[in-house]
C-alpha atoms as a PDB file:
ATOM      1  CA  MET A   1    -131.909 -76.495 -64.116  1.00  0.00           C
ATOM      2  CA  LEU A   2    -134.767 -76.867 -61.670  1.00  0.00           C
ATOM      3  CA  PRO A   3    -134.330 -79.351 -58.811  1.00  0.00           C
ATOM      4  CA  GLU A   4    -135.941 -82.800 -58.910  1.00  0.00           C
ATOM      5  CA  THR A   5    -137.014 -82.532 -55.267  1.00  0.00           C
ATOM      6  CA  THR A   6    -137.494 -79.630 -52.819  1.00  0.00           C
ATOM      7  CA  ILE A   7    -137.101 -80.531 -49.120  1.00  0.00           C
ATOM      8  CA  VAL A   8    -138.894 -78.110 -46.878  1.00  0.00           C
ATOM      9  CA  ILE A   9    -138.109 -77.839 -43.093  1.00  0.00           C
ATOM     10  CA  ALA A  10    -139.876 -75.552 -40.645  1.00  0.00           C
ATOM     11  CA  ALA A  11    -137.478 -74.553 -37.824  1.00  0.00           C
ATOM     12  CA  TYR A  12    -138.187 -72.667 -34.606  1.00  0.00           C
ATOM     13  CA  ASN A  13    -135.222 -72.340 -32.269  1.00  0.00           C
ATOM     14  CA  GLU A  14    -133.327 -75.208 -33.987  1.00  0.00           C
ATOM     15  CA  GLU A  15    -129.734 -74.061 -33.915  1.00  0.00           C
ATOM     16  CA  LYS A  16    -128.611 -77.172 -32.061  1.00  0.00           C
ATOM     17  CA  ARG A  17    -130.406 -79.846 -34.093  1.00  0.00           C
ATOM     18  CA  LEU A  18    -130.353 -78.389 -37.592  1.00  0.00           C
ATOM     19  CA  PRO A  19    -126.643 -78.766 -38.319  1.00  0.00           C
ATOM     20  CA  GLU A  20    -126.756 -82.561 -37.918  1.00  0.00           C
ATOM     21  CA  THR A  21    -130.026 -82.772 -39.858  1.00  0.00           C
ATOM     22  CA  LEU A  22    -128.684 -80.769 -42.738  1.00  0.00           C
ATOM     23  CA  THR A  23    -125.504 -82.666 -42.774  1.00  0.00           C
ATOM     24  CA  LYS A  24    -127.393 -85.971 -42.955  1.00  0.00           C
ATOM     25  CA  ILE A  25    -129.603 -84.714 -45.834  1.00  0.00           C
ATOM     26  CA  GLN A  26    -126.630 -83.381 -47.762  1.00  0.00           C
ATOM     27  CA  ALA A  27    -124.885 -86.864 -47.306  1.00  0.00           C
ATOM     28  CA  TYR A  28    -128.002 -88.603 -48.588  1.00  0.00           C
ATOM     29  CA  LEU A  29    -128.328 -86.304 -51.592  1.00  0.00           C
ATOM     30  CA  ALA A  30    -124.663 -86.883 -52.495  1.00  0.00           C
ATOM     31  CA  ALA A  31    -124.913 -90.602 -52.076  1.00  0.00           C
ATOM     32  CA  THR A  32    -128.055 -90.885 -54.292  1.00  0.00           C
ATOM     33  CA  ASN A  33    -126.949 -88.200 -56.778  1.00  0.00           C
ATOM     34  CA  LEU A  34    -130.324 -86.584 -56.281  1.00  0.00           C
ATOM     35  CA  HIS A  35    -130.656 -82.986 -57.543  1.00  0.00           C
ATOM     36  CA  ALA A  36    -132.498 -81.207 -54.761  1.00  0.00           C
ATOM     37  CA  GLU A  37    -132.862 -77.942 -52.994  1.00  0.00           C
ATOM     38  CA  ILE A  38    -133.311 -77.644 -49.254  1.00  0.00           C
ATOM     39  CA  VAL A  39    -135.572 -74.755 -47.932  1.00  0.00           C
ATOM     40  CA  VAL A  40    -135.280 -73.945 -44.275  1.00  0.00           C
ATOM     41  CA  VAL A  41    -137.975 -71.655 -42.989  1.00  0.00           C
ATOM     42  CA  ASP A  42    -136.890 -69.868 -39.756  1.00  0.00           C
ATOM     43  CA  ASP A  43    -140.250 -69.419 -37.998  1.00  0.00           C
ATOM     44  CA  GLY A  44    -139.335 -66.343 -35.926  1.00  0.00           C
ATOM     45  CA  SER A  45    -136.639 -68.086 -33.932  1.00  0.00           C
ATOM     46  CA  THR A  46    -135.042 -66.263 -30.967  1.00  0.00           C
ATOM     47  CA  ASP A  47    -131.776 -68.181 -31.102  1.00  0.00           C
ATOM     48  CA  ASN A  48    -129.227 -68.269 -33.888  1.00  0.00           C
ATOM     49  CA  THR A  49    -131.117 -70.588 -36.334  1.00  0.00           C
ATOM     50  CA  ALA A  50    -131.108 -68.104 -39.156  1.00  0.00           C
ATOM     51  CA  SER A  51    -127.418 -67.103 -38.838  1.00  0.00           C
ATOM     52  CA  MET A  52    -126.455 -70.781 -38.581  1.00  0.00           C
ATOM     53  CA  VAL A  53    -128.301 -71.691 -41.712  1.00  0.00           C
ATOM     54  CA  ARG A  54    -126.760 -68.783 -43.566  1.00  0.00           C
ATOM     55  CA  ALA A  55    -123.369 -69.909 -42.550  1.00  0.00           C
ATOM     56  CA  LEU A  56    -124.013 -73.437 -43.589  1.00  0.00           C
ATOM     57  CA  SER A  57    -125.465 -72.425 -46.968  1.00  0.00           C
ATOM     58  CA  GLU A  58    -122.040 -71.120 -47.956  1.00  0.00           C
ATOM     59  CA  GLY A  59    -120.800 -74.798 -48.089  1.00  0.00           C
ATOM     60  CA  MET A  60    -123.969 -76.650 -48.889  1.00  0.00           C
ATOM     61  CA  ARG A  61    -125.272 -76.362 -52.467  1.00  0.00           C
ATOM     62  CA  GLY A  62    -129.020 -75.957 -52.832  1.00  0.00           C
ATOM     63  CA  LEU A  63    -129.512 -74.801 -49.241  1.00  0.00           C
ATOM     64  CA  ARG A  64    -131.541 -71.562 -48.808  1.00  0.00           C
ATOM     65  CA  LEU A  65    -133.113 -69.759 -45.964  1.00  0.00           C
ATOM     66  CA  ILE A  66    -136.549 -68.006 -45.563  1.00  0.00           C
ATOM     67  CA  SER A  67    -136.761 -66.010 -42.337  1.00  0.00           C
ATOM     68  CA  TYR A  68    -139.173 -63.607 -40.627  1.00  0.00           C
ATOM     69  CA  PRO A  69    -139.144 -62.002 -37.221  1.00  0.00           C
ATOM     70  CA  ARG A  70    -142.283 -63.321 -35.566  1.00  0.00           C
ATOM     71  CA  ASN A  71    -143.253 -66.929 -34.792  1.00  0.00           C
ATOM     72  CA  ARG A  72    -146.254 -67.802 -36.864  1.00  0.00           C
ATOM     73  CA  GLY A  73    -146.537 -71.573 -36.530  1.00  0.00           C
ATOM     74  CA  LYS A  74    -145.464 -74.738 -38.327  1.00  0.00           C
ATOM     75  CA  GLY A  75    -148.312 -74.590 -40.808  1.00  0.00           C
ATOM     76  CA  TYR A  76    -147.425 -71.070 -41.776  1.00  0.00           C
ATOM     77  CA  ALA A  77    -143.735 -71.818 -42.138  1.00  0.00           C
ATOM     78  CA  LEU A  78    -144.235 -74.788 -44.299  1.00  0.00           C
ATOM     79  CA  ARG A  79    -146.695 -72.879 -46.499  1.00  0.00           C
ATOM     80  CA  LYS A  80    -143.981 -70.211 -47.100  1.00  0.00           C
ATOM     81  CA  GLY A  81    -141.479 -72.876 -47.902  1.00  0.00           C
ATOM     82  CA  VAL A  82    -143.674 -74.973 -50.163  1.00  0.00           C
ATOM     83  CA  LEU A  83    -144.959 -71.870 -52.175  1.00  0.00           C
ATOM     84  CA  SER A  84    -141.270 -70.945 -52.800  1.00  0.00           C
ATOM     85  CA  SER A  85    -140.399 -74.427 -53.935  1.00  0.00           C
ATOM     86  CA  GLN A  86    -139.302 -75.368 -57.423  1.00  0.00           C
ATOM     87  CA  GLY A  87    -138.982 -79.080 -57.332  1.00  0.00           C
ATOM     88  CA  ARG A  88    -140.936 -81.578 -59.323  1.00  0.00           C
ATOM     89  CA  LEU A  89    -141.562 -83.258 -55.937  1.00  0.00           C
ATOM     90  CA  VAL A  90    -141.827 -81.577 -52.589  1.00  0.00           C
ATOM     91  CA  LEU A  91    -140.998 -83.262 -49.305  1.00  0.00           C
ATOM     92  CA  VAL A  92    -141.839 -81.745 -46.045  1.00  0.00           C
ATOM     93  CA  THR A  93    -140.008 -83.116 -43.018  1.00  0.00           C
ATOM     94  CA  ASP A  94    -139.213 -82.256 -39.482  1.00  0.00           C
ATOM     95  CA  ALA A  95    -136.143 -80.383 -38.188  1.00  0.00           C
ATOM     96  CA  ASP A  96    -135.192 -83.367 -36.054  1.00  0.00           C
ATOM     97  CA  LEU A  97    -135.396 -85.977 -38.765  1.00  0.00           C
ATOM     98  CA  SER A  98    -137.597 -88.158 -36.635  1.00  0.00           C
ATOM     99  CA  THR A  99    -138.104 -90.005 -39.911  1.00  0.00           C
ATOM    100  CA  PRO A 100    -134.760 -90.640 -41.540  1.00  0.00           C
ATOM    101  CA  ILE A 101    -134.307 -88.811 -44.853  1.00  0.00           C
ATOM    102  CA  GLU A 102    -133.699 -92.223 -46.433  1.00  0.00           C
ATOM    103  CA  GLU A 103    -137.398 -92.911 -46.061  1.00  0.00           C
ATOM    104  CA  LEU A 104    -137.940 -90.715 -49.076  1.00  0.00           C
ATOM    105  CA  GLU A 105    -137.120 -93.910 -51.020  1.00  0.00           C
ATOM    106  CA  THR A 106    -140.175 -95.590 -49.402  1.00  0.00           C
ATOM    107  CA  LEU A 107    -142.514 -92.814 -50.409  1.00  0.00           C
ATOM    108  CA  ARG A 108    -141.314 -91.848 -53.867  1.00  0.00           C
ATOM    109  CA  PRO A 109    -142.468 -95.017 -55.793  1.00  0.00           C
ATOM    110  CA  HIS A 110    -146.103 -94.241 -54.753  1.00  0.00           C
ATOM    111  CA  LEU A 111    -145.840 -91.020 -56.785  1.00  0.00           C
ATOM    112  CA  SER A 112    -143.668 -92.241 -59.683  1.00  0.00           C
ATOM    113  CA  SER A 113    -145.314 -95.482 -60.508  1.00  0.00           C
ATOM    114  CA  HIS A 114    -148.348 -96.046 -58.368  1.00  0.00           C
ATOM    115  CA  GLY A 115    -150.279 -93.032 -59.585  1.00  0.00           C
ATOM    116  CA  HIS A 116    -150.663 -91.106 -56.288  1.00  0.00           C
ATOM    117  CA  HIS A 117    -150.452 -87.410 -55.907  1.00  0.00           C
ATOM    118  CA  ILE A 118    -149.323 -87.558 -52.290  1.00  0.00           C
ATOM    119  CA  ALA A 119    -147.598 -90.154 -50.079  1.00  0.00           C
ATOM    120  CA  ILE A 120    -147.658 -89.648 -46.309  1.00  0.00           C
ATOM    121  CA  GLY A 121    -145.505 -91.386 -43.777  1.00  0.00           C
ATOM    122  CA  SER A 122    -147.423 -93.230 -41.057  1.00  0.00           C
ATOM    123  CA  ARG A 123    -146.368 -94.416 -37.702  1.00  0.00           C
ATOM    124  CA  ALA A 124    -149.671 -96.300 -37.122  1.00  0.00           C
ATOM    125  CA  LEU A 125    -149.700 -98.992 -39.845  1.00  0.00           C
ATOM    126  CA  PRO A 126    -148.915-102.667 -38.967  1.00  0.00           C
ATOM    127  CA  LEU A 127    -145.534-102.510 -40.738  1.00  0.00           C
ATOM    128  CA  SER A 128    -144.451 -99.118 -39.378  1.00  0.00           C
ATOM    129  CA  GLU A 129    -141.064 -99.356 -37.671  1.00  0.00           C
ATOM    130  CA  ILE A 130    -141.012 -97.409 -34.398  1.00  0.00           C
ATOM    131  CA  VAL A 131    -137.376 -97.235 -33.216  1.00  0.00           C
ATOM    132  CA  GLU A 132    -138.278 -95.259 -30.017  1.00  0.00           C
ATOM    133  CA  ALA A 133    -141.943 -94.792 -29.135  1.00  0.00           C
ATOM    134  CA  GLN A 134    -143.556 -91.619 -27.667  1.00  0.00           C
ATOM    135  CA  PRO A 135    -144.251 -91.600 -23.938  1.00  0.00           C
ATOM    136  CA  PRO A 136    -147.688 -93.033 -23.023  1.00  0.00           C
ATOM    137  CA  TRP A 137    -149.283 -89.682 -22.501  1.00  0.00           C
ATOM    138  CA  ARG A 138    -148.304 -88.428 -25.945  1.00  0.00           C
ATOM    139  CA  ARG A 139    -149.657 -91.676 -27.546  1.00  0.00           C
ATOM    140  CA  GLY A 140    -152.897 -91.210 -25.674  1.00  0.00           C
ATOM    141  CA  MET A 141    -153.096 -87.623 -26.909  1.00  0.00           C
ATOM    142  CA  SER A 142    -152.415 -88.701 -30.467  1.00  0.00           C
ATOM    143  CA  ARG A 143    -155.130 -91.351 -30.370  1.00  0.00           C
ATOM    144  CA  LEU A 144    -157.616 -88.852 -28.976  1.00  0.00           C
ATOM    145  CA  PHE A 145    -156.791 -86.241 -31.569  1.00  0.00           C
ATOM    146  CA  ASN A 146    -157.000 -88.786 -34.415  1.00  0.00           C
ATOM    147  CA  GLY A 147    -160.429 -89.888 -33.170  1.00  0.00           C
ATOM    148  CA  ILE A 148    -161.627 -86.233 -33.230  1.00  0.00           C
ATOM    149  CA  VAL A 149    -160.170 -85.813 -36.682  1.00  0.00           C
ATOM    150  CA  LYS A 150    -162.160 -88.751 -37.960  1.00  0.00           C
ATOM    151  CA  VAL A 151    -165.360 -87.445 -36.424  1.00  0.00           C
ATOM    152  CA  LEU A 152    -165.063 -83.793 -37.357  1.00  0.00           C
ATOM    153  CA  VAL A 153    -162.940 -83.575 -40.511  1.00  0.00           C
ATOM    154  CA  ILE A 154    -161.700 -86.575 -42.396  1.00  0.00           C
ATOM    155  CA  ASP A 155    -161.824 -90.353 -41.984  1.00  0.00           C
ATOM    156  CA  GLY A 156    -159.655 -93.097 -43.525  1.00  0.00           C
ATOM    157  CA  PHE A 157    -156.156 -92.133 -42.296  1.00  0.00           C
ATOM    158  CA  LYS A 158    -154.389 -93.885 -39.402  1.00  0.00           C
ATOM    159  CA  ASP A 159    -151.855 -91.078 -38.831  1.00  0.00           C
ATOM    160  CA  THR A 160    -152.445 -87.573 -40.077  1.00  0.00           C
ATOM    161  CA  GLN A 161    -149.652 -85.932 -37.985  1.00  0.00           C
ATOM    162  CA  CYS A 162    -146.414 -87.614 -38.972  1.00  0.00           C
ATOM    163  CA  GLY A 163    -144.294 -84.852 -40.317  1.00  0.00           C
ATOM    164  CA  PHE A 164    -142.810 -86.740 -43.350  1.00  0.00           C
ATOM    165  CA  LYS A 165    -145.009 -86.125 -46.450  1.00  0.00           C
ATOM    166  CA  LEU A 166    -144.216 -86.195 -50.121  1.00  0.00           C
ATOM    167  CA  PHE A 167    -146.208 -84.471 -52.856  1.00  0.00           C
ATOM    168  CA  THR A 168    -145.885 -83.785 -56.567  1.00  0.00           C
ATOM    169  CA  GLY A 169    -144.743 -80.261 -56.840  1.00  0.00           C
ATOM    170  CA  GLU A 170    -147.752 -78.976 -58.635  1.00  0.00           C
ATOM    171  CA  VAL A 171    -150.183 -80.531 -56.062  1.00  0.00           C
ATOM    172  CA  ALA A 172    -148.128 -79.279 -53.069  1.00  0.00           C
ATOM    173  CA  ARG A 173    -148.087 -75.691 -54.338  1.00  0.00           C
ATOM    174  CA  SER A 174    -151.814 -75.805 -55.138  1.00  0.00           C
ATOM    175  CA  LEU A 175    -152.864 -77.162 -51.737  1.00  0.00           C
ATOM    176  CA  PHE A 176    -150.547 -74.971 -49.681  1.00  0.00           C
ATOM    177  CA  HIS A 177    -151.768 -71.920 -51.596  1.00  0.00           C
ATOM    178  CA  LYS A 178    -155.357 -72.734 -50.455  1.00  0.00           C
ATOM    179  CA  ALA A 179    -154.372 -73.670 -46.833  1.00  0.00           C
ATOM    180  CA  ARG A 180    -155.024 -71.214 -44.057  1.00  0.00           C
ATOM    181  CA  ILE A 181    -154.163 -73.145 -40.856  1.00  0.00           C
ATOM    182  CA  ASP A 182    -150.934 -71.754 -39.349  1.00  0.00           C
ATOM    183  CA  ARG A 183    -150.075 -74.197 -36.607  1.00  0.00           C
ATOM    184  CA  PHE A 184    -149.859 -77.969 -35.876  1.00  0.00           C
ATOM    185  CA  ALA A 185    -153.261 -78.969 -37.397  1.00  0.00           C
ATOM    186  CA  TYR A 186    -152.058 -77.948 -40.990  1.00  0.00           C
ATOM    187  CA  ASP A 187    -151.683 -81.610 -41.797  1.00  0.00           C
ATOM    188  CA  VAL A 188    -155.409 -82.229 -41.376  1.00  0.00           C
ATOM    189  CA  GLU A 189    -156.237 -79.171 -43.506  1.00  0.00           C
ATOM    190  CA  ILE A 190    -153.906 -80.290 -46.302  1.00  0.00           C
ATOM    191  CA  LEU A 191    -155.399 -83.760 -46.355  1.00  0.00           C
ATOM    192  CA  ALA A 192    -158.954 -82.490 -46.230  1.00  0.00           C
ATOM    193  CA  LEU A 193    -158.220 -80.171 -49.185  1.00  0.00           C
ATOM    194  CA  ALA A 194    -156.526 -83.106 -51.042  1.00  0.00           C
ATOM    195  CA  ARG A 195    -159.623 -85.231 -50.573  1.00  0.00           C
ATOM    196  CA  ASN A 196    -161.954 -82.328 -51.712  1.00  0.00           C
ATOM    197  CA  HIS A 197    -159.947 -81.917 -54.834  1.00  0.00           C
ATOM    198  CA  GLY A 198    -159.837 -85.576 -55.729  1.00  0.00           C
ATOM    199  CA  TYR A 199    -156.160 -86.191 -55.215  1.00  0.00           C
ATOM    200  CA  ARG A 200    -154.958 -89.751 -54.529  1.00  0.00           C
ATOM    201  CA  VAL A 201    -153.152 -90.117 -51.177  1.00  0.00           C
ATOM    202  CA  ALA A 202    -151.114 -93.292 -50.087  1.00  0.00           C
ATOM    203  CA  GLU A 203    -150.419 -93.737 -46.374  1.00  0.00           C
ATOM    204  CA  VAL A 204    -147.138 -95.619 -46.163  1.00  0.00           C
ATOM    205  CA  PRO A 205    -145.427 -97.259 -43.177  1.00  0.00           C
ATOM    206  CA  ILE A 206    -142.107 -95.558 -42.285  1.00  0.00           C
ATOM    207  CA  LYS A 207    -139.254 -95.759 -39.843  1.00  0.00           C
ATOM    208  CA  TRP A 208    -139.700 -93.306 -37.013  1.00  0.00           C
ATOM    209  CA  LYS A 209    -138.013 -92.287 -33.722  1.00  0.00           C
ATOM    210  CA  ASN A 210    -139.488 -90.055 -30.988  1.00  0.00           C
ATOM    211  CA  SER A 211    -137.700 -86.760 -30.382  1.00  0.00           C
ATOM    212  CA  THR A 212    -137.305 -85.888 -26.708  1.00  0.00           C
ATOM    213  CA  ALA A 213    -136.978 -82.178 -27.550  1.00  0.00           C
ATOM    214  CA  SER A 214    -140.422 -81.742 -29.010  1.00  0.00           C
ATOM    215  CA  LYS A 215    -141.697 -78.190 -29.404  1.00  0.00           C
ATOM    216  CA  VAL A 216    -145.305 -79.292 -28.703  1.00  0.00           C
ATOM    217  CA  ARG A 217    -146.907 -77.682 -25.724  1.00  0.00           C
ATOM    218  CA  PRO A 218    -149.513 -80.202 -24.526  1.00  0.00           C
ATOM    219  CA  VAL A 219    -152.240 -77.924 -23.226  1.00  0.00           C
ATOM    220  CA  LEU A 220    -151.907 -74.821 -25.298  1.00  0.00           C
ATOM    221  CA  ASP A 221    -151.233 -76.641 -28.519  1.00  0.00           C
ATOM    222  CA  SER A 222    -154.170 -79.050 -27.858  1.00  0.00           C
ATOM    223  CA  VAL A 223    -156.648 -76.204 -27.432  1.00  0.00           C
ATOM    224  CA  GLN A 224    -155.190 -74.522 -30.584  1.00  0.00           C
ATOM    225  CA  MET A 225    -155.496 -77.785 -32.580  1.00  0.00           C
ATOM    226  CA  LEU A 226    -159.031 -78.373 -31.529  1.00  0.00           C
ATOM    227  CA  SER A 227    -160.013 -74.853 -32.460  1.00  0.00           C
ATOM    228  CA  ASP A 228    -158.353 -75.381 -35.838  1.00  0.00           C
ATOM    229  CA  LEU A 229    -160.171 -78.609 -36.501  1.00  0.00           C
ATOM    230  CA  VAL A 230    -163.522 -76.752 -36.058  1.00  0.00           C
ATOM    231  CA  LYS A 231    -162.282 -74.133 -38.528  1.00  0.00           C
ATOM    232  CA  ILE A 232    -161.272 -76.852 -40.997  1.00  0.00           C
ATOM    233  CA  ARG A 233    -164.657 -78.612 -40.626  1.00  0.00           C
ATOM    234  CA  MET A 234    -166.545 -75.330 -41.186  1.00  0.00           C
ATOM    235  CA  VAL A 235    -164.552 -74.671 -44.416  1.00  0.00           C
ATOM    236  CA  THR A 236    -164.575 -78.220 -45.753  1.00  0.00           C
ATOM    237  CA  ILE A 237    -168.066 -79.611 -44.887  1.00  0.00           C
ATOM    238  CA  GLY A 238    -170.262 -80.046 -47.928  1.00  0.00           C
ATOM    239  CA  ARG A 239    -167.281 -79.893 -50.316  1.00  0.00           C
ATOM    240  CA  LYS A 240    -166.075 -83.490 -50.165  1.00  0.00           C
ATOM    241  CA  GLN A 241    -165.646 -85.141 -53.541  1.00  0.00           C
ATOM    242  CA  GLY A 242    -164.166 -88.378 -52.219  1.00  0.00           C
ATOM    243  CA  ALA A 243    -160.526 -88.633 -53.234  1.00  0.00           C
ATOM    244  CA  ALA A 244    -159.112 -92.139 -53.463  1.00  0.00           C
ATOM    245  CA  TYR A 245    -157.249 -93.205 -50.390  1.00  0.00           C
ATOM    246  CA  ALA A 246    -154.769 -96.127 -50.193  1.00  0.00           C
ATOM    247  CA  PRO A 247    -153.012 -97.351 -47.027  1.00  0.00           C
ATOM    248  CA  VAL A 248    -149.907 -99.361 -48.062  1.00  0.00           C
ATOM    249  CA  ASP A 249    -148.014-102.021 -46.255  1.00  0.00           C
ATOM    250  CA  CYS A 250    -144.450-102.636 -47.473  1.00  0.00           C
ATOM    251  CA  PRO A 251    -143.242-106.163 -46.944  1.00  0.00           C
ATOM    252  CA  ASP A 252    -139.743-105.180 -45.689  1.00  0.00           C
ATOM    253  CA  ARG A 253    -141.066-103.677 -42.486  1.00  0.00           C
ATOM    254  CA  SER A 254    -141.175-105.277 -39.086  1.00  0.00           C
ATOM    255  CA  SER A 255    -144.329-104.909 -37.015  1.00  0.00           C
ATOM    256  CA  ALA A 256    -144.522-102.176 -34.359  1.00  0.00           C
ATOM    257  CA  ASN A 257    -146.902 -99.691 -32.870  1.00  0.00           C
ATOM    258  CA  PRO A 258    -146.370 -95.926 -32.189  1.00  0.00           C
END
């Protein structure tokens, strides 16, 4: 029997954080009786991430590992995981669970009954709940990046970079098959591809907490992301077909800013 949902996690040197993350996900799946698989993609870690996941998989049903020796980037890792997925729905989420796994319940209705193909978590909508904000310099970088994204690639989204995104399985596998960006700007490419192909995307306020152990390197990753945005622009320009976009505010959220 194929899983209802595939949860894909890219992991680079996450031996310390992943056990708690996977335990929380397993507890959620058990409590909700959700038939799911968890795919952890070890992105060339130099610590014991792979061996730890293998050990945990012996006691966690549906947990499997994809591993390779060289670090290729978050976009590459998620692409490997999504293309191996079997679920009717595919959720990509961060290894630190900055967005609690329970927020899947916030995104899922937009695919099941609202007619969207993709629902993306957002930290920047009026009803987003920010438990712990990023430091000011990170917020400034995020705003600058989002501004460049709007000018160069795709407009209409408040937050392209939140790591919590839900897709129908067919759409996820189709988009990630076409994707080529290997590092942190992969989100922008996926959303640009979605718009080009006419898929409906809902941007949904979620609960989010900043992780102090972020793997982002401010200078190097910023340069890489800008370079990737130019590549995405070159590939997607002239091919936009105007997918429907719908920001969503859920009434049970308190107001906060990222």
